[in-house]
Structures are given as structure tokens and as C-alpha cells.
Amino acid sequence: MHISHNEDENLKHHLSFSYKAIQRKCGPFDILAEEQGKELVFERARYAYNDALEYFDDNFLSELNSFGLALAFAAEEETDETI
């Protein structure tokens, strides 16, 4: 059980670490603009909160790959537009 008076801080840490972890795997993104990225951050934080983080990568592999490719293609399009 994760009941404590410090639960908000615990959840903030899980969300912060999850955001950084997803960025390392997929690339930088704005969590407010990317719904798929936000969902992955929430899901990873949920796995971390429930002490099941070792299963996250396997269970969300296709979503992580899809999001990473979408970010890469978007970055490539931005590069092409500025040339």
C-alpha cells in the first residue's frame, strides 16, 4: 500500500522521472502538445507507482516505437522546411 501524507510528492516524482525516461527513449517533446507522449508518461508513472516498472517497456514497445518515429519524422519535416 502506498498510503502516506507525502503521496502528492511521490506521484510528482514518478511523473517527472517518467517524462524524462520517455524523452530519453523517444526524443524531446512538449507534454502539453503531444497526447501520445502524455499518455506514455502517465502509463509509465502508473507502472512505477505499482512497482511493476520492469514490465513497462515490453508492454508498451509498439507505442514507444510509434511515438519515437512520429517525433523523428516531425523533426525531419521541420528541418526540411527551414532549408
N, C-alpha and C. Protein backbone atom coordinates (compact mmCIF):
# COMPACT_ATOMS: atom_id res chain seq x y z
N MET A 1 0.84 -1.17 0.00
CA MET A 1 0.00 0.00 0.00
C MET A 1 0.89 1.25 0.00
N HIS A 2 0.45 2.24 -0.72
CA HIS A 2 1.20 3.47 -0.85
C HIS A 2 0.50 4.62 -0.14
N ILE A 3 0.06 4.38 1.06
CA ILE A 3 -0.67 5.42 1.78
C ILE A 3 0.31 6.18 2.67
N SER A 4 0.37 7.47 2.44
CA SER A 4 1.22 8.31 3.28
C SER A 4 0.77 9.76 3.13
N HIS A 5 1.27 10.60 3.98
CA HIS A 5 0.96 12.02 3.88
C HIS A 5 1.76 12.69 2.78
N ASN A 6 2.72 12.00 2.22
CA ASN A 6 3.61 12.54 1.20
C ASN A 6 3.27 12.01 -0.20
N GLU A 7 2.04 11.56 -0.39
CA GLU A 7 1.65 10.90 -1.64
C GLU A 7 1.75 11.82 -2.85
N ASP A 8 1.39 13.08 -2.72
CA ASP A 8 1.48 14.01 -3.85
C ASP A 8 2.90 14.13 -4.35
N GLU A 9 3.85 14.25 -3.44
CA GLU A 9 5.26 14.35 -3.83
C GLU A 9 5.72 13.07 -4.52
N ASN A 10 5.28 11.94 -4.02
CA ASN A 10 5.63 10.65 -4.63
C ASN A 10 5.13 10.59 -6.07
N LEU A 11 3.89 10.99 -6.29
CA LEU A 11 3.33 10.98 -7.65
C LEU A 11 4.04 11.97 -8.55
N LYS A 12 4.39 13.14 -8.03
CA LYS A 12 5.13 14.13 -8.82
C LYS A 12 6.48 13.58 -9.26
N HIS A 13 7.15 12.87 -8.36
CA HIS A 13 8.44 12.27 -8.70
C HIS A 13 8.28 11.21 -9.79
N HIS A 14 7.28 10.36 -9.66
CA HIS A 14 7.04 9.34 -10.67
C HIS A 14 6.76 9.98 -12.03
N LEU A 15 5.95 11.02 -12.05
CA LEU A 15 5.64 11.70 -13.31
C LEU A 15 6.87 12.38 -13.90
N SER A 16 7.64 13.04 -13.07
CA SER A 16 8.84 13.72 -13.54
C SER A 16 9.85 12.73 -14.10
N PHE A 17 10.12 11.66 -13.37
CA PHE A 17 11.07 10.65 -13.84
C PHE A 17 10.56 9.97 -15.11
N SER A 18 9.26 9.74 -15.17
CA SER A 18 8.68 9.09 -16.35
C SER A 18 8.79 9.99 -17.58
N TYR A 19 8.56 11.27 -17.41
CA TYR A 19 8.69 12.22 -18.53
C TYR A 19 10.12 12.21 -19.06
N LYS A 20 11.09 12.24 -18.17
CA LYS A 20 12.49 12.21 -18.59
C LYS A 20 12.84 10.89 -19.26
N ALA A 21 12.32 9.79 -18.74
CA ALA A 21 12.61 8.47 -19.32
C ALA A 21 12.02 8.34 -20.72
N ILE A 22 10.80 8.81 -20.92
CA ILE A 22 10.18 8.73 -22.24
C ILE A 22 10.94 9.64 -23.22
N GLN A 23 11.39 10.79 -22.77
CA GLN A 23 12.17 11.67 -23.63
C GLN A 23 13.49 11.00 -24.03
N ARG A 24 14.13 10.29 -23.11
CA ARG A 24 15.38 9.59 -23.45
C ARG A 24 15.13 8.52 -24.49
N LYS A 25 14.01 7.83 -24.41
CA LYS A 25 13.71 6.75 -25.34
C LYS A 25 13.21 7.25 -26.70
N CYS A 26 12.41 8.31 -26.69
CA CYS A 26 11.71 8.73 -27.90
C CYS A 26 12.19 10.05 -28.48
N GLY A 27 12.77 10.89 -27.65
CA GLY A 27 13.18 12.22 -28.09
C GLY A 27 12.41 13.28 -27.34
N PRO A 28 12.91 14.51 -27.39
CA PRO A 28 12.25 15.59 -26.65
C PRO A 28 10.87 15.90 -27.21
N PHE A 29 9.94 16.24 -26.32
CA PHE A 29 8.59 16.61 -26.73
C PHE A 29 7.94 17.47 -25.67
N ASP A 30 6.93 18.21 -26.10
CA ASP A 30 6.14 19.05 -25.21
C ASP A 30 4.98 18.21 -24.69
N ILE A 31 4.96 17.95 -23.41
CA ILE A 31 3.94 17.08 -22.84
C ILE A 31 2.54 17.67 -22.99
N LEU A 32 2.43 18.98 -23.09
CA LEU A 32 1.12 19.61 -23.24
C LEU A 32 0.59 19.51 -24.67
N ALA A 33 1.50 19.33 -25.63
CA ALA A 33 1.09 19.29 -27.03
C ALA A 33 0.99 17.87 -27.60
N GLU A 34 1.67 16.94 -27.00
CA GLU A 34 1.73 15.56 -27.53
C GLU A 34 0.90 14.62 -26.67
N GLU A 35 -0.30 14.31 -27.12
CA GLU A 35 -1.19 13.43 -26.35
C GLU A 35 -0.60 12.03 -26.18
N GLN A 36 0.02 11.50 -27.23
CA GLN A 36 0.60 10.16 -27.13
C GLN A 36 1.73 10.15 -26.11
N GLY A 37 2.54 11.20 -26.09
CA GLY A 37 3.61 11.30 -25.12
C GLY A 37 3.08 11.41 -23.70
N LYS A 38 2.05 12.22 -23.54
CA LYS A 38 1.44 12.38 -22.22
C LYS A 38 0.90 11.04 -21.72
N GLU A 39 0.23 10.31 -22.59
CA GLU A 39 -0.31 9.01 -22.20
C GLU A 39 0.81 8.05 -21.79
N LEU A 40 1.91 8.04 -22.53
CA LEU A 40 3.03 7.18 -22.17
C LEU A 40 3.63 7.57 -20.82
N VAL A 41 3.73 8.84 -20.56
CA VAL A 41 4.25 9.31 -19.27
C VAL A 41 3.34 8.83 -18.14
N PHE A 42 2.03 9.00 -18.31
CA PHE A 42 1.09 8.56 -17.28
C PHE A 42 1.16 7.05 -17.06
N GLU A 43 1.24 6.30 -18.16
CA GLU A 43 1.30 4.84 -18.04
C GLU A 43 2.58 4.39 -17.35
N ARG A 44 3.70 5.00 -17.71
CA ARG A 44 4.97 4.63 -17.08
C ARG A 44 4.93 4.98 -15.60
N ALA A 45 4.36 6.13 -15.25
CA ALA A 45 4.24 6.52 -13.85
C ALA A 45 3.35 5.53 -13.09
N ARG A 46 2.31 5.06 -13.74
CA ARG A 46 1.42 4.08 -13.11
C ARG A 46 2.17 2.78 -12.84
N TYR A 47 2.97 2.34 -13.81
CA TYR A 47 3.77 1.13 -13.61
C TYR A 47 4.77 1.34 -12.47
N ALA A 48 5.42 2.50 -12.44
CA ALA A 48 6.39 2.79 -11.38
C ALA A 48 5.70 2.81 -10.02
N TYR A 49 4.55 3.44 -9.94
CA TYR A 49 3.80 3.54 -8.70
C TYR A 49 3.43 2.16 -8.15
N ASN A 50 3.12 1.25 -9.07
CA ASN A 50 2.70 -0.10 -8.68
C ASN A 50 3.86 -1.10 -8.64
N ASP A 51 5.09 -0.59 -8.64
CA ASP A 51 6.29 -1.43 -8.56
C ASP A 51 6.33 -2.50 -9.65
N ALA A 52 5.95 -2.11 -10.85
CA ALA A 52 5.95 -3.04 -11.99
C ALA A 52 6.67 -2.44 -13.19
N LEU A 53 7.61 -1.56 -12.93
CA LEU A 53 8.28 -0.82 -14.00
C LEU A 53 9.02 -1.73 -14.97
N GLU A 54 9.47 -2.88 -14.52
CA GLU A 54 10.20 -3.80 -15.39
C GLU A 54 9.33 -4.33 -16.54
N TYR A 55 8.02 -4.19 -16.45
CA TYR A 55 7.11 -4.66 -17.49
C TYR A 55 6.71 -3.57 -18.48
N PHE A 56 7.00 -2.33 -18.16
CA PHE A 56 6.52 -1.22 -19.00
C PHE A 56 7.06 -1.28 -20.42
N ASP A 57 8.37 -1.41 -20.58
CA ASP A 57 8.96 -1.38 -21.93
C ASP A 57 8.40 -2.48 -22.82
N ASP A 58 8.27 -3.68 -22.28
CA ASP A 58 7.73 -4.78 -23.08
C ASP A 58 6.26 -4.55 -23.43
N ASN A 59 5.49 -4.07 -22.47
CA ASN A 59 4.06 -3.89 -22.70
C ASN A 59 3.73 -2.70 -23.60
N PHE A 60 4.63 -1.72 -23.69
CA PHE A 60 4.37 -0.52 -24.47
C PHE A 60 5.39 -0.33 -25.59
N LEU A 61 6.04 -1.41 -26.00
CA LEU A 61 7.08 -1.32 -27.02
C LEU A 61 6.57 -0.72 -28.32
N SER A 62 5.44 -1.15 -28.80
CA SER A 62 4.93 -0.63 -30.08
C SER A 62 4.55 0.85 -29.95
N GLU A 63 3.97 1.24 -28.82
CA GLU A 63 3.62 2.64 -28.62
C GLU A 63 4.87 3.52 -28.51
N LEU A 64 5.90 3.03 -27.81
CA LEU A 64 7.16 3.77 -27.70
C LEU A 64 7.81 3.94 -29.07
N ASN A 65 7.85 2.87 -29.85
CA ASN A 65 8.43 2.95 -31.20
C ASN A 65 7.63 3.90 -32.09
N SER A 66 6.33 3.80 -32.04
CA SER A 66 5.47 4.66 -32.85
C SER A 66 5.67 6.13 -32.49
N PHE A 67 5.71 6.42 -31.20
CA PHE A 67 5.87 7.80 -30.76
C PHE A 67 7.26 8.32 -31.13
N GLY A 68 8.28 7.51 -30.94
CA GLY A 68 9.63 7.91 -31.31
C GLY A 68 9.76 8.20 -32.78
N LEU A 69 9.15 7.37 -33.62
CA LEU A 69 9.18 7.60 -35.06
C LEU A 69 8.41 8.86 -35.43
N ALA A 70 7.27 9.08 -34.81
CA ALA A 70 6.48 10.29 -35.09
C ALA A 70 7.27 11.54 -34.74
N LEU A 71 7.98 11.52 -33.62
CA LEU A 71 8.80 12.67 -33.24
C LEU A 71 9.95 12.86 -34.22
N ALA A 72 10.56 11.77 -34.64
CA ALA A 72 11.68 11.87 -35.59
C ALA A 72 11.20 12.42 -36.93
N PHE A 73 10.06 11.95 -37.42
CA PHE A 73 9.53 12.45 -38.69
C PHE A 73 9.14 13.92 -38.58
N ALA A 74 8.58 14.31 -37.45
CA ALA A 74 8.22 15.72 -37.25
C ALA A 74 9.46 16.60 -37.23
N ALA A 75 10.51 16.12 -36.59
CA ALA A 75 11.76 16.88 -36.54
C ALA A 75 12.38 16.97 -37.93
N GLU A 76 12.28 15.91 -38.70
CA GLU A 76 12.81 15.90 -40.07
C GLU A 76 12.03 16.88 -40.95
N GLU A 77 10.72 16.92 -40.80
CA GLU A 77 9.90 17.87 -41.56
C GLU A 77 10.26 19.30 -41.21
N GLU A 78 10.48 19.58 -39.93
CA GLU A 78 10.88 20.93 -39.52
C GLU A 78 12.21 21.31 -40.12
N THR A 79 13.13 20.36 -40.18
CA THR A 79 14.46 20.61 -40.76
C THR A 79 14.33 20.90 -42.25
N ASP A 80 13.50 20.12 -42.93
CA ASP A 80 13.29 20.32 -44.38
C ASP A 80 12.66 21.68 -44.67
N GLU A 81 11.76 22.11 -43.80
CA GLU A 81 11.07 23.39 -44.03
C GLU A 81 12.00 24.58 -43.84
N THR A 82 13.01 24.44 -42.99
CA THR A 82 13.92 25.56 -42.74
C THR A 82 15.04 25.65 -43.78
N ILE A 83 15.19 24.65 -44.59
CA ILE A 83 16.28 24.66 -45.60
C ILE A 83 15.83 25.39 -46.84
